Amino acid sequence: MSGRIFKISAKCKAGGARSGRLATLHGPVNTPIFLPVGSQATVKSLDIADIKKLGIKMILCNAYHLYLRPGIKVIEEAGGLHRFMNWQGPILTDSGGYQIFSLSTLRKISGDGVVFRSHVDGSQHSITPESSMSMQEKLGADIIMALDVCPGSTAGRKELSKAAASTAEWAERCRSAHRDTGQHLFGIIQGGTYPDLRKESVEQITALDFPGYAIGGLSLGEPKALMWEIVEATVPYMPPNRPRYLMGVGSPEDIVEGISRGIDIFDSALPTRVARNGALYTRKGRVNIRRSVHREDMGPVEKDCQCFTCRNYSAAYLHHLFKCEELLAYRLATIHNLHFMQKLIEQCRQTIGEDTFPEFKRRFLKSYKTTDEDRRIEQKAAALTNKKTFP
């Protein structure tokens, strides 16, 4: 496999921030880039016209969810994932390793792959590295991910070491099974919060010469300081001429922090999920639109914001929609948050090109009030444990 799919266009003299261009079957994308999550072939509450108007160039879908519903065969018969969901831009599919280990009520790793029970109906399934490649190739995504083992944040060193070893073995099998479809297969680095396990995993995965690499197994409830410590311990061992993808990380402050450490690709359901709960991003931090202070606020959620929501509706109107639980509330809030994320990533690319990103980062983090760390960890733990169980 070749690293020619990615070309770095600018680097900051201080720090690791860089911008580049990533070639895909459905057109090139500029990096750094944030991918909204459309696990089930839809970004919740939006249609494709909304996504295009927001200027979003690439989205993430999840092979695990699509395998369970509607089934790979249905999407294949529709002509592939792009035609099925009427999106002609690039798509990245996550293999589902994280979902298998976080949503399943029963999973067992064997020498061949993993056996698990569906979080939807409890039915039993088996996925191997080879079948994961076959599924993602049939879906037709531009970037596909190797099947990995993703333990939880409470896993001990022994479990993390075993998971990293299985991930490396599966990555080699994925690489061997992957056909020359023009899709880019990325390898995933595991190792938990142990720098030496991360270094070992990087060496094993990069030896397979994938066109891109992802850091998995972070943002699972560990303190952010520890997460960044592990990223900093991992990135130096990753090939500089290949795209670097930090999986499942996507709060505004984390985007800026990750870019400063040399990350090119991010994804997260966070901006859309918090939007549906009434939390809207502004340059000063999240605003809870449900609070009574917004009941008579006839201005936009954020002054000077040019998103469709802020140009057409007041904060008072959004407050009213959420209080009445009107469906329009979710769409308008999601549009606002994804607009915020898109403009943030564009500003990051621009300031990298101007070699002023470190100053931009300083100003942004100074004005942006982040979520309380203890509260964030509590929310993450609740999200990870809030899953269906079956007898």
Protein backbone atom coordinates (compact mmCIF):
# COMPACT_ATOMS: atom_id res chain seq x y z
CA MET A 1 0.00 0.00 0.00
CA SER A 2 1.13 3.56 -0.69
CA GLY A 3 1.23 6.77 1.29
CA ARG A 4 0.58 8.86 -1.83
CA ILE A 5 -3.06 9.38 -0.93
CA PHE A 6 -2.05 12.11 1.53
CA LYS A 7 -0.07 15.27 0.89
CA ILE A 8 0.89 17.74 3.61
CA SER A 9 0.43 21.32 2.45
CA ALA A 10 1.45 23.32 5.53
CA LYS A 11 3.03 22.87 8.95
CA CYS A 12 3.37 25.22 11.88
CA LYS A 13 6.94 26.03 12.86
CA ALA A 14 6.02 25.58 16.53
CA GLY A 15 4.07 22.50 17.63
CA GLY A 16 2.72 19.65 15.52
CA ALA A 17 -0.23 21.28 13.71
CA ARG A 18 -0.38 20.54 10.00
CA SER A 19 -2.81 20.73 7.11
CA GLY A 20 -3.04 18.50 4.08
CA ARG A 21 -5.12 16.94 1.36
CA LEU A 22 -6.45 13.38 1.43
CA ALA A 23 -7.46 11.70 -1.85
CA THR A 24 -10.50 9.40 -1.88
CA LEU A 25 -12.66 7.65 -4.47
CA HIS A 26 -15.34 10.32 -4.06
CA GLY A 27 -13.04 13.29 -4.20
CA PRO A 28 -10.30 14.91 -2.10
CA VAL A 29 -10.81 16.37 1.37
CA ASN A 30 -8.73 18.96 3.18
CA THR A 31 -7.35 18.17 6.60
CA PRO A 32 -7.63 18.67 9.50
CA ILE A 33 -11.21 17.46 9.13
CA PHE A 34 -14.07 16.62 11.49
CA LEU A 35 -16.49 13.85 10.50
CA PRO A 36 -20.07 14.00 11.78
CA VAL A 37 -21.31 10.57 12.79
CA GLY A 38 -24.06 8.97 10.75
CA SER A 39 -23.87 5.48 12.24
CA GLN A 40 -27.03 4.20 10.59
CA ALA A 41 -26.59 5.97 7.23
CA THR A 42 -28.00 9.22 8.58
CA VAL A 43 -26.74 12.15 10.62
CA LYS A 44 -29.56 12.27 13.15
CA SER A 45 -32.30 14.86 12.40
CA LEU A 46 -30.63 16.11 9.17
CA ASP A 47 -31.04 15.25 5.52
CA ILE A 48 -28.36 15.29 2.84
CA ALA A 49 -29.31 18.82 1.69
CA ASP A 50 -28.60 20.10 5.22
CA ILE A 51 -25.22 18.39 5.28
CA LYS A 52 -24.22 19.82 1.90
CA LYS A 53 -25.25 23.35 2.91
CA LEU A 54 -23.09 23.06 6.01
CA GLY A 55 -20.06 22.45 3.81
CA ILE A 56 -19.36 19.04 5.31
CA LYS A 57 -17.15 16.96 3.01
CA MET A 58 -16.95 13.53 4.67
CA ILE A 59 -19.07 11.60 7.16
CA LEU A 60 -18.70 8.45 9.23
CA CYS A 61 -21.04 5.47 9.07
CA ASN A 62 -20.77 2.31 11.12
CA ALA A 63 -20.49 -1.15 9.60
CA TYR A 64 -21.66 -2.81 12.84
CA HIS A 65 -24.97 -0.92 12.91
CA LEU A 66 -25.53 -1.31 9.16
CA TYR A 67 -24.76 -5.02 9.36
CA LEU A 68 -27.53 -5.42 11.95
CA ARG A 69 -29.97 -3.00 10.27
CA PRO A 70 -30.87 -3.01 7.39
CA GLY A 71 -28.24 -5.62 6.50
CA ILE A 72 -25.28 -5.47 4.12
CA LYS A 73 -27.23 -7.27 1.38
CA VAL A 74 -29.94 -4.59 1.31
CA ILE A 75 -27.35 -1.81 0.91
CA GLU A 76 -25.42 -3.78 -1.70
CA GLU A 77 -28.61 -4.28 -3.72
CA ALA A 78 -29.25 -0.54 -3.50
CA GLY A 79 -25.92 0.06 -5.24
CA GLY A 80 -23.79 0.69 -2.19
CA LEU A 81 -23.91 3.02 0.78
CA HIS A 82 -23.51 6.23 -1.22
CA ARG A 83 -26.56 5.54 -3.36
CA PHE A 84 -28.53 4.08 -0.46
CA MET A 85 -28.27 7.31 1.56
CA ASN A 86 -27.99 9.67 -1.44
CA TRP A 87 -24.60 11.05 -0.38
CA GLN A 88 -21.91 11.42 -3.03
CA GLY A 89 -19.12 12.70 -0.80
CA PRO A 90 -16.49 10.52 0.89
CA ILE A 91 -17.55 8.11 3.65
CA LEU A 92 -15.48 6.44 6.35
CA THR A 93 -16.85 3.27 7.89
CA ASP A 94 -15.82 2.15 11.36
CA SER A 95 -15.50 -1.63 11.46
CA GLY A 96 -17.58 -1.80 14.63
CA GLY A 97 -14.90 -3.06 17.00
CA TYR A 98 -15.83 -0.44 19.58
CA GLN A 99 -19.57 -1.13 19.29
CA ILE A 100 -19.10 -4.88 19.58
CA PHE A 101 -17.29 -4.47 22.87
CA SER A 102 -19.34 -1.60 24.30
CA LEU A 103 -22.91 -2.46 23.22
CA SER A 104 -22.94 -6.23 23.27
CA THR A 105 -24.21 -8.04 26.35
CA LEU A 106 -22.16 -11.07 25.37
CA ARG A 107 -18.96 -11.20 23.35
CA LYS A 108 -16.26 -13.78 23.11
CA ILE A 109 -12.99 -13.50 21.24
CA SER A 110 -11.89 -16.67 19.54
CA GLY A 111 -8.90 -17.41 17.36
CA ASP A 112 -11.05 -16.67 14.34
CA GLY A 113 -12.77 -13.44 15.37
CA VAL A 114 -15.47 -12.35 17.79
CA VAL A 115 -18.86 -13.81 18.64
CA PHE A 116 -21.36 -11.36 20.08
CA ARG A 117 -25.04 -10.75 20.71
CA SER A 118 -26.84 -7.89 19.02
CA HIS A 119 -27.75 -4.90 21.17
CA VAL A 120 -30.96 -4.67 19.09
CA ASP A 121 -32.57 -8.06 19.66
CA GLY A 122 -30.03 -10.29 21.39
CA SER A 123 -29.41 -12.45 18.31
CA GLN A 124 -25.97 -14.05 18.06
CA HIS A 125 -23.47 -13.05 15.37
CA SER A 126 -19.88 -13.67 14.41
CA ILE A 127 -17.49 -11.26 12.71
CA THR A 128 -13.96 -12.03 11.59
CA PRO A 129 -11.34 -9.71 10.09
CA GLU A 130 -12.10 -11.26 6.71
CA SER A 131 -15.87 -10.81 6.97
CA SER A 132 -15.36 -7.24 8.22
CA MET A 133 -13.40 -6.46 5.06
CA SER A 134 -16.05 -8.07 2.89
CA MET A 135 -18.82 -6.07 4.56
CA GLN A 136 -17.04 -2.74 4.26
CA GLU A 137 -16.04 -3.40 0.67
CA LYS A 138 -19.68 -4.13 -0.21
CA LEU A 139 -20.77 -0.95 1.54
CA GLY A 140 -18.36 0.94 -0.72
CA ALA A 141 -16.94 3.41 1.81
CA ASP A 142 -13.90 5.43 0.77
CA ILE A 143 -11.97 4.72 3.98
CA ILE A 144 -12.50 1.45 5.82
CA MET A 145 -11.13 0.42 9.19
CA ALA A 146 -9.42 -2.79 10.24
CA LEU A 147 -11.34 -4.81 12.84
CA ASP A 148 -9.83 -4.20 16.27
CA VAL A 149 -10.31 -5.19 19.89
CA CYS A 150 -11.29 -2.16 21.97
CA PRO A 151 -11.37 -2.80 25.74
CA GLY A 152 -13.04 -0.38 28.13
CA SER A 153 -11.30 2.28 30.19
CA THR A 154 -11.31 0.04 33.27
CA ALA A 155 -9.33 -2.75 31.58
CA GLY A 156 -6.07 -3.73 33.24
CA ARG A 157 -2.66 -4.00 31.65
CA LYS A 158 -2.93 -7.73 30.95
CA GLU A 159 -6.25 -7.31 29.10
CA LEU A 160 -4.98 -4.26 27.19
CA SER A 161 -1.82 -6.10 26.13
CA LYS A 162 -3.85 -9.06 24.91
CA ALA A 163 -6.25 -6.75 23.05
CA ALA A 164 -3.36 -4.96 21.32
CA ALA A 165 -1.88 -8.30 20.27
CA SER A 166 -5.22 -9.47 18.83
CA THR A 167 -5.65 -6.12 17.09
CA ALA A 168 -2.25 -6.53 15.42
CA GLU A 169 -3.07 -10.09 14.32
CA TRP A 170 -6.45 -9.01 12.98
CA ALA A 171 -4.92 -6.02 11.19
CA GLU A 172 -2.61 -8.35 9.27
CA ARG A 173 -5.55 -10.55 8.33
CA CYS A 174 -7.58 -7.51 7.26
CA ARG A 175 -4.71 -6.35 5.07
CA SER A 176 -4.43 -9.78 3.45
CA ALA A 177 -8.18 -10.03 2.86
CA HIS A 178 -8.63 -6.49 1.53
CA ARG A 179 -9.16 -6.48 -2.23
CA ASP A 180 -7.85 -3.75 -4.56
CA THR A 181 -11.09 -1.78 -4.56
CA GLY A 182 -9.56 1.69 -4.38
CA GLN A 183 -10.78 1.97 -0.79
CA HIS A 184 -8.19 3.02 1.78
CA LEU A 185 -7.77 0.56 4.65
CA PHE A 186 -6.56 2.18 7.89
CA GLY A 187 -4.93 0.28 10.73
CA ILE A 188 -5.87 0.96 14.37
CA ILE A 189 -3.42 1.42 17.24
CA GLN A 190 -4.45 0.15 20.68
CA GLY A 191 -2.68 -0.15 24.03
CA GLY A 192 -4.89 1.73 26.47
CA THR A 193 -3.15 4.28 28.67
CA TYR A 194 0.21 2.50 28.78
CA PRO A 195 2.83 4.32 26.66
CA ASP A 196 4.95 1.20 26.18
CA LEU A 197 1.94 -0.81 24.94
CA ARG A 198 1.06 2.03 22.59
CA LYS A 199 4.62 2.12 21.21
CA GLU A 200 4.57 -1.64 20.67
CA SER A 201 1.17 -1.43 18.96
CA VAL A 202 2.34 1.42 16.67
CA GLU A 203 5.37 -0.61 15.61
CA GLN A 204 3.26 -3.68 14.85
CA ILE A 205 0.54 -1.82 12.94
CA THR A 206 2.81 0.52 10.95
CA ALA A 207 4.93 -2.46 9.88
CA LEU A 208 1.92 -3.51 7.79
CA ASP A 209 2.24 -0.31 5.70
CA PHE A 210 -1.36 0.92 5.76
CA PRO A 211 -2.13 4.18 3.90
CA GLY A 212 -3.45 5.71 7.15
CA TYR A 213 -3.48 5.06 10.89
CA ALA A 214 -5.96 5.59 13.70
CA ILE A 215 -5.47 5.90 17.44
CA GLY A 216 -8.28 3.91 19.06
CA GLY A 217 -9.25 3.11 22.62
CA LEU A 218 -9.19 6.66 24.00
CA SER A 219 -11.92 9.08 25.12
CA LEU A 220 -13.54 6.22 27.01
CA GLY A 221 -13.78 7.98 30.36
CA GLU A 222 -10.13 8.56 31.23
CA PRO A 223 -9.08 12.10 32.30
CA LYS A 224 -8.30 14.32 29.34
CA ALA A 225 -4.81 15.06 30.59
CA LEU A 226 -4.08 11.33 30.43
CA MET A 227 -5.62 11.05 26.97
CA TRP A 228 -3.34 13.79 25.63
CA GLU A 229 -0.35 12.22 27.36
CA ILE A 230 -1.01 9.01 25.44
CA VAL A 231 -1.55 10.83 22.15
CA GLU A 232 1.75 12.65 22.65
CA ALA A 233 3.46 9.34 23.40
CA THR A 234 1.98 7.72 20.27
CA VAL A 235 2.15 10.31 17.47
CA PRO A 236 5.98 10.48 17.25
CA TYR A 237 6.08 6.82 16.22
CA MET A 238 3.43 7.23 13.50
CA PRO A 239 4.61 7.80 9.90
CA PRO A 240 4.66 11.56 9.22
CA ASN A 241 3.50 11.16 5.62
CA ARG A 242 0.31 9.24 6.47
CA PRO A 243 -2.98 10.65 7.82
CA ARG A 244 -3.50 10.34 11.58
CA TYR A 245 -7.00 9.71 12.87
CA LEU A 246 -8.02 10.11 16.53
CA MET A 247 -11.16 8.00 16.83
CA GLY A 248 -14.21 9.14 18.77
CA VAL A 249 -12.81 12.54 19.81
CA GLY A 250 -14.72 15.65 18.80
CA SER A 251 -15.50 18.31 21.40
CA PRO A 252 -14.43 21.79 20.20
CA GLU A 253 -11.56 22.06 22.68
CA ASP A 254 -10.38 18.54 21.84
CA ILE A 255 -10.31 19.33 18.13
CA VAL A 256 -7.98 22.26 18.77
CA GLU A 257 -5.84 20.30 21.22
CA GLY A 258 -5.61 17.30 18.88
CA ILE A 259 -4.63 19.41 15.87
CA SER A 260 -1.83 20.98 17.89
CA ARG A 261 -0.46 17.46 18.42
CA GLY A 262 -0.49 16.51 14.74
CA ILE A 263 -3.89 14.81 14.37
CA ASP A 264 -5.56 15.11 10.93
CA ILE A 265 -8.95 13.39 11.26
CA PHE A 266 -11.55 13.44 14.05
CA ASP A 267 -15.03 12.00 14.48
CA SER A 268 -17.59 12.11 17.26
CA ALA A 269 -21.32 11.92 17.86
CA LEU A 270 -20.90 14.50 20.62
CA PRO A 271 -21.88 17.69 18.69
CA THR A 272 -25.11 16.13 17.40
CA ARG A 273 -25.92 14.30 20.63
CA VAL A 274 -25.59 17.34 22.87
CA ALA A 275 -27.55 19.38 20.33
CA ARG A 276 -30.52 17.05 20.75
CA ASN A 277 -30.27 17.66 24.49
CA GLY A 278 -30.36 21.43 24.08
CA ALA A 279 -26.63 22.18 24.43
CA LEU A 280 -25.49 24.62 21.75
CA TYR A 281 -21.90 25.58 21.04
CA THR A 282 -20.76 29.20 21.15
CA ARG A 283 -17.31 30.80 21.19
CA LYS A 284 -17.63 31.04 24.97
CA GLY A 285 -18.68 27.42 25.50
CA ARG A 286 -21.91 25.44 25.59
CA VAL A 287 -25.24 27.18 26.13
CA ASN A 288 -28.16 25.25 27.64
CA ILE A 289 -31.03 26.56 25.56
CA ARG A 290 -33.56 24.95 27.91
CA ARG A 291 -32.71 27.37 30.71
CA SER A 292 -35.36 29.98 31.54
CA VAL A 293 -32.93 32.83 30.83
CA HIS A 294 -33.54 32.19 27.12
CA ARG A 295 -37.34 32.31 27.29
CA GLU A 296 -37.51 35.94 26.13
CA ASP A 297 -34.17 36.19 24.33
CA MET A 298 -35.09 37.45 20.86
CA GLY A 299 -31.53 37.45 19.59
CA PRO A 300 -29.77 34.47 17.96
CA VAL A 301 -28.05 31.79 20.00
CA GLU A 302 -24.75 33.43 19.06
CA LYS A 303 -24.27 36.92 17.69
CA ASP A 304 -22.66 37.03 14.25
CA CYS A 305 -23.18 33.29 13.69
CA GLN A 306 -24.13 32.74 10.05
CA CYS A 307 -25.70 29.31 10.40
CA PHE A 308 -29.23 28.75 9.11
CA THR A 309 -30.56 28.54 12.66
CA CYS A 310 -29.08 31.79 13.93
CA ARG A 311 -29.99 33.70 10.74
CA ASN A 312 -33.64 32.70 10.94
CA TYR A 313 -34.61 31.93 14.53
CA SER A 314 -34.22 33.44 17.99
CA ALA A 315 -32.91 31.77 21.11
CA ALA A 316 -36.41 32.23 22.55
CA TYR A 317 -37.90 30.21 19.69
CA LEU A 318 -35.42 27.36 20.19
CA HIS A 319 -36.11 27.46 23.94
CA HIS A 320 -39.83 27.14 23.17
CA LEU A 321 -39.27 24.21 20.77
CA PHE A 322 -37.24 22.28 23.31
CA LYS A 323 -39.70 22.94 26.11
CA CYS A 324 -42.51 21.65 23.90
CA GLU A 325 -40.36 18.76 22.64
CA GLU A 326 -40.99 19.71 19.04
CA LEU A 327 -38.96 17.71 16.50
CA LEU A 328 -37.78 20.87 14.76
CA ALA A 329 -35.72 21.69 17.86
CA TYR A 330 -33.35 18.80 17.17
CA ARG A 331 -32.77 19.76 13.54
CA LEU A 332 -32.13 23.44 14.25
CA ALA A 333 -29.81 22.72 17.17
CA THR A 334 -27.88 20.11 15.18
CA ILE A 335 -27.43 22.50 12.26
CA HIS A 336 -26.03 25.11 14.63
CA ASN A 337 -23.56 22.76 16.32
CA LEU A 338 -22.27 21.25 13.09
CA HIS A 339 -21.91 24.74 11.59
CA PHE A 340 -19.85 25.69 14.64
CA MET A 341 -17.64 22.62 14.23
CA GLN A 342 -17.21 23.22 10.50
CA LYS A 343 -16.19 26.85 10.97
CA LEU A 344 -13.83 25.90 13.79
CA ILE A 345 -12.03 23.34 11.65
CA GLU A 346 -11.84 25.84 8.76
CA GLN A 347 -10.27 28.41 11.07
CA CYS A 348 -7.76 25.81 12.20
CA ARG A 349 -6.78 25.03 8.60
CA GLN A 350 -6.52 28.72 7.75
CA THR A 351 -4.32 29.58 10.72
CA ILE A 352 -2.07 26.57 10.07
CA GLY A 353 -1.54 27.89 6.54
CA GLU A 354 -0.71 31.31 7.99
CA ASP A 355 1.51 29.75 10.70
CA THR A 356 -0.58 31.47 13.38
CA PHE A 357 -2.32 28.39 14.78
CA PRO A 358 -0.59 28.42 18.20
CA GLU A 359 -1.94 31.92 18.84
CA PHE A 360 -5.38 30.91 17.56
CA LYS A 361 -5.36 27.94 19.93
CA ARG A 362 -4.40 30.16 22.86
CA ARG A 363 -7.21 32.65 22.14
CA PHE A 364 -9.82 29.97 21.55
CA LEU A 365 -9.09 27.99 24.69
CA LYS A 366 -8.93 31.17 26.76
CA SER A 367 -12.47 32.19 25.77
CA TYR A 368 -14.09 28.73 25.46
CA LYS A 369 -15.41 27.44 28.78
CA THR A 370 -15.14 23.66 28.79
CA THR A 371 -17.42 21.20 30.52
CA ASP A 372 -16.42 20.39 34.10
CA GLU A 373 -14.03 17.40 34.02
CA ASP A 374 -15.79 15.38 36.71
CA ARG A 375 -19.15 16.03 35.08
CA ARG A 376 -17.76 15.04 31.68
CA ILE A 377 -16.42 11.72 33.00
CA GLU A 378 -19.74 11.07 34.74
CA GLN A 379 -21.67 11.73 31.50
CA LYS A 380 -19.32 9.52 29.50
CA ALA A 381 -19.70 6.66 31.96
CA ALA A 382 -23.49 7.01 31.82
CA ALA A 383 -23.44 6.94 28.01
CA LEU A 384 -21.30 3.81 27.97
CA THR A 385 -23.49 1.93 30.45
CA ASN A 386 -26.84 3.02 29.02
CA LYS A 387 -27.37 0.04 26.75
CA LYS A 388 -29.96 -2.63 26.17
CA THR A 389 -29.59 -6.02 27.78
CA PHE A 390 -31.19 -9.30 26.80
CA PRO A 391 -31.86 -12.53 28.73
